[in-house]
Amino acid sequence: MLVGAQLPREHPLHRDFIQYYRDIGLPEDFYWFALNTAPPDAIHWMTPDELDRFFHATVAKISPPRDNG
């Protein structure tokens, strides 16, 4: 099975995916990161540094509130 990470960056099959990422407000760099970080059948859990790099988010901003009750 051919996967996107095996195609050269300039391959035309990447264009629609890059445009989709742009349409939903994700940077193109995130497309390449996601493509090369994990194979299609796996999950990569982003580190706090990666979240900050792509989304300017910190774990504190995205973590649910703690129940102190």
N, C-alpha and C. Protein backbone atom coordinates (compact mmCIF):
# COMPACT_ATOMS: atom_id res chain seq x y z
N MET A 1 0.84 -1.17 0.00
CA MET A 1 0.00 0.00 0.00
C MET A 1 0.89 1.24 0.00
N LEU A 2 0.59 2.16 -0.89
CA LEU A 2 1.32 3.42 -0.98
C LEU A 2 0.71 4.40 0.02
N VAL A 3 1.55 5.08 0.78
CA VAL A 3 1.07 6.09 1.73
C VAL A 3 1.71 7.44 1.37
N GLY A 4 1.06 8.49 1.81
CA GLY A 4 1.49 9.84 1.46
C GLY A 4 2.93 10.15 1.80
N ALA A 5 3.42 9.61 2.90
CA ALA A 5 4.80 9.89 3.31
C ALA A 5 5.81 9.33 2.32
N GLN A 6 5.38 8.39 1.48
CA GLN A 6 6.29 7.81 0.49
C GLN A 6 6.38 8.65 -0.79
N LEU A 7 5.48 9.60 -0.94
CA LEU A 7 5.46 10.43 -2.14
C LEU A 7 6.36 11.64 -1.95
N PRO A 8 7.00 12.11 -3.02
CA PRO A 8 7.79 13.33 -2.90
C PRO A 8 6.89 14.51 -2.52
N ARG A 9 7.45 15.49 -1.84
CA ARG A 9 6.66 16.65 -1.39
C ARG A 9 5.95 17.36 -2.54
N GLU A 10 6.55 17.37 -3.72
CA GLU A 10 5.96 18.08 -4.84
C GLU A 10 4.91 17.25 -5.59
N HIS A 11 4.63 16.04 -5.14
CA HIS A 11 3.66 15.18 -5.83
C HIS A 11 2.28 15.82 -5.78
N PRO A 12 1.55 15.80 -6.91
CA PRO A 12 0.24 16.47 -6.96
C PRO A 12 -0.81 15.90 -6.00
N LEU A 13 -0.66 14.67 -5.56
CA LEU A 13 -1.65 14.09 -4.64
C LEU A 13 -1.67 14.79 -3.28
N HIS A 14 -0.62 15.50 -2.94
CA HIS A 14 -0.59 16.23 -1.67
C HIS A 14 -1.46 17.49 -1.72
N ARG A 15 -1.67 18.05 -2.90
CA ARG A 15 -2.33 19.36 -3.03
C ARG A 15 -3.69 19.43 -2.35
N ASP A 16 -4.55 18.44 -2.61
CA ASP A 16 -5.90 18.48 -2.03
C ASP A 16 -5.85 18.39 -0.51
N PHE A 17 -4.95 17.60 0.02
CA PHE A 17 -4.83 17.48 1.47
C PHE A 17 -4.32 18.79 2.08
N ILE A 18 -3.34 19.39 1.44
CA ILE A 18 -2.81 20.67 1.94
C ILE A 18 -3.91 21.73 1.90
N GLN A 19 -4.68 21.75 0.82
CA GLN A 19 -5.77 22.72 0.74
C GLN A 19 -6.81 22.47 1.82
N TYR A 20 -7.12 21.21 2.08
CA TYR A 20 -8.07 20.89 3.15
C TYR A 20 -7.55 21.39 4.49
N TYR A 21 -6.30 21.16 4.79
CA TYR A 21 -5.72 21.65 6.04
C TYR A 21 -5.86 23.16 6.13
N ARG A 22 -5.56 23.84 5.04
CA ARG A 22 -5.71 25.31 5.03
C ARG A 22 -7.16 25.71 5.26
N ASP A 23 -8.08 25.02 4.60
CA ASP A 23 -9.51 25.34 4.72
C ASP A 23 -10.01 25.22 6.15
N ILE A 24 -9.45 24.29 6.90
CA ILE A 24 -9.91 24.13 8.28
C ILE A 24 -9.00 24.86 9.28
N GLY A 25 -8.10 25.68 8.75
CA GLY A 25 -7.30 26.54 9.61
C GLY A 25 -6.04 25.92 10.17
N LEU A 26 -5.58 24.83 9.58
CA LEU A 26 -4.34 24.20 10.05
C LEU A 26 -3.19 24.62 9.14
N PRO A 27 -2.02 24.85 9.72
CA PRO A 27 -0.88 25.25 8.89
C PRO A 27 -0.37 24.09 8.04
N GLU A 28 0.17 24.42 6.89
CA GLU A 28 0.72 23.40 6.00
C GLU A 28 1.80 22.58 6.69
N ASP A 29 2.59 23.22 7.53
CA ASP A 29 3.64 22.48 8.26
C ASP A 29 3.05 21.34 9.08
N PHE A 30 1.84 21.52 9.57
CA PHE A 30 1.21 20.46 10.35
C PHE A 30 0.88 19.25 9.46
N TYR A 31 0.52 19.50 8.22
CA TYR A 31 0.27 18.39 7.28
C TYR A 31 1.51 17.51 7.16
N TRP A 32 2.66 18.14 6.92
CA TRP A 32 3.90 17.38 6.75
C TRP A 32 4.30 16.69 8.05
N PHE A 33 4.11 17.36 9.16
CA PHE A 33 4.40 16.77 10.46
C PHE A 33 3.54 15.52 10.67
N ALA A 34 2.23 15.66 10.47
CA ALA A 34 1.31 14.53 10.68
C ALA A 34 1.61 13.38 9.73
N LEU A 35 1.95 13.72 8.53
CA LEU A 35 2.24 12.70 7.51
C LEU A 35 3.45 11.87 7.88
N ASN A 36 4.44 12.50 8.47
CA ASN A 36 5.71 11.83 8.72
C ASN A 36 5.93 11.37 10.15
N THR A 37 5.02 11.68 11.05
CA THR A 37 5.20 11.34 12.45
C THR A 37 4.76 9.92 12.80
N ALA A 38 3.69 9.48 12.18
CA ALA A 38 3.18 8.13 12.48
C ALA A 38 2.62 7.52 11.20
N PRO A 39 2.71 6.21 11.08
CA PRO A 39 2.10 5.56 9.92
C PRO A 39 0.57 5.66 9.99
N PRO A 40 -0.11 5.42 8.87
CA PRO A 40 -1.57 5.59 8.84
C PRO A 40 -2.34 4.76 9.86
N ASP A 41 -1.77 3.66 10.30
CA ASP A 41 -2.49 2.78 11.22
C ASP A 41 -2.04 2.95 12.68
N ALA A 42 -1.43 4.09 12.99
CA ALA A 42 -0.95 4.34 14.35
C ALA A 42 -1.35 5.74 14.79
N ILE A 43 -1.16 6.00 16.05
CA ILE A 43 -1.46 7.31 16.63
C ILE A 43 -0.19 7.88 17.23
N HIS A 44 0.05 9.14 16.98
CA HIS A 44 1.15 9.85 17.65
C HIS A 44 0.52 10.83 18.63
N TRP A 45 0.81 10.67 19.90
CA TRP A 45 0.33 11.60 20.91
C TRP A 45 1.28 12.78 20.93
N MET A 46 0.76 13.95 20.62
CA MET A 46 1.60 15.13 20.53
C MET A 46 2.13 15.54 21.90
N THR A 47 3.36 15.97 21.89
CA THR A 47 3.99 16.46 23.12
C THR A 47 3.53 17.90 23.37
N PRO A 48 3.71 18.38 24.58
CA PRO A 48 3.39 19.79 24.83
C PRO A 48 4.13 20.74 23.89
N ASP A 49 5.38 20.46 23.58
CA ASP A 49 6.15 21.32 22.66
C ASP A 49 5.55 21.29 21.25
N GLU A 50 5.10 20.13 20.81
CA GLU A 50 4.47 20.03 19.48
C GLU A 50 3.15 20.79 19.45
N LEU A 51 2.36 20.67 20.51
CA LEU A 51 1.10 21.41 20.58
C LEU A 51 1.37 22.91 20.50
N ASP A 52 2.37 23.36 21.22
CA ASP A 52 2.71 24.78 21.20
C ASP A 52 3.20 25.20 19.82
N ARG A 53 4.00 24.37 19.20
CA ARG A 53 4.57 24.68 17.88
C ARG A 53 3.48 24.89 16.83
N PHE A 54 2.48 24.02 16.82
CA PHE A 54 1.47 24.08 15.76
C PHE A 54 0.21 24.85 16.15
N PHE A 55 -0.12 24.86 17.41
CA PHE A 55 -1.40 25.44 17.82
C PHE A 55 -1.26 26.52 18.88
N HIS A 56 -0.03 26.82 19.27
CA HIS A 56 0.22 27.81 20.32
C HIS A 56 -0.65 27.50 21.54
N ALA A 57 -0.73 26.23 21.83
CA ALA A 57 -1.53 25.77 22.96
C ALA A 57 -0.62 25.15 24.00
N THR A 58 -1.01 25.29 25.21
CA THR A 58 -0.28 24.62 26.28
C THR A 58 -1.20 23.57 26.88
N VAL A 59 -0.61 22.64 27.57
CA VAL A 59 -1.40 21.59 28.20
C VAL A 59 -2.42 22.22 29.14
N ALA A 60 -2.05 23.28 29.84
CA ALA A 60 -2.97 23.93 30.77
C ALA A 60 -4.19 24.49 30.03
N LYS A 61 -4.00 24.97 28.82
CA LYS A 61 -5.11 25.54 28.06
C LYS A 61 -6.07 24.48 27.56
N ILE A 62 -5.59 23.26 27.32
CA ILE A 62 -6.46 22.25 26.71
C ILE A 62 -6.87 21.15 27.68
N SER A 63 -6.32 21.16 28.86
CA SER A 63 -6.68 20.14 29.84
C SER A 63 -8.02 20.46 30.48
N PRO A 64 -8.85 19.45 30.71
CA PRO A 64 -10.14 19.70 31.39
C PRO A 64 -9.88 20.13 32.83
N PRO A 65 -10.81 20.89 33.40
CA PRO A 65 -10.62 21.28 34.81
C PRO A 65 -10.63 20.07 35.72
N ARG A 66 -9.90 20.14 36.78
CA ARG A 66 -9.86 19.05 37.75
C ARG A 66 -11.03 19.15 38.71
N ASP A 67 -11.52 18.00 39.09
CA ASP A 67 -12.60 17.96 40.08
C ASP A 67 -11.95 17.92 41.46
N ASN A 68 -12.03 19.01 42.15
CA ASN A 68 -11.44 19.09 43.48
C ASN A 68 -12.43 18.75 44.57
N GLY A 69 -13.59 18.23 44.19
CA GLY A 69 -14.65 17.97 45.14
C GLY A 69 -14.47 16.72 45.89
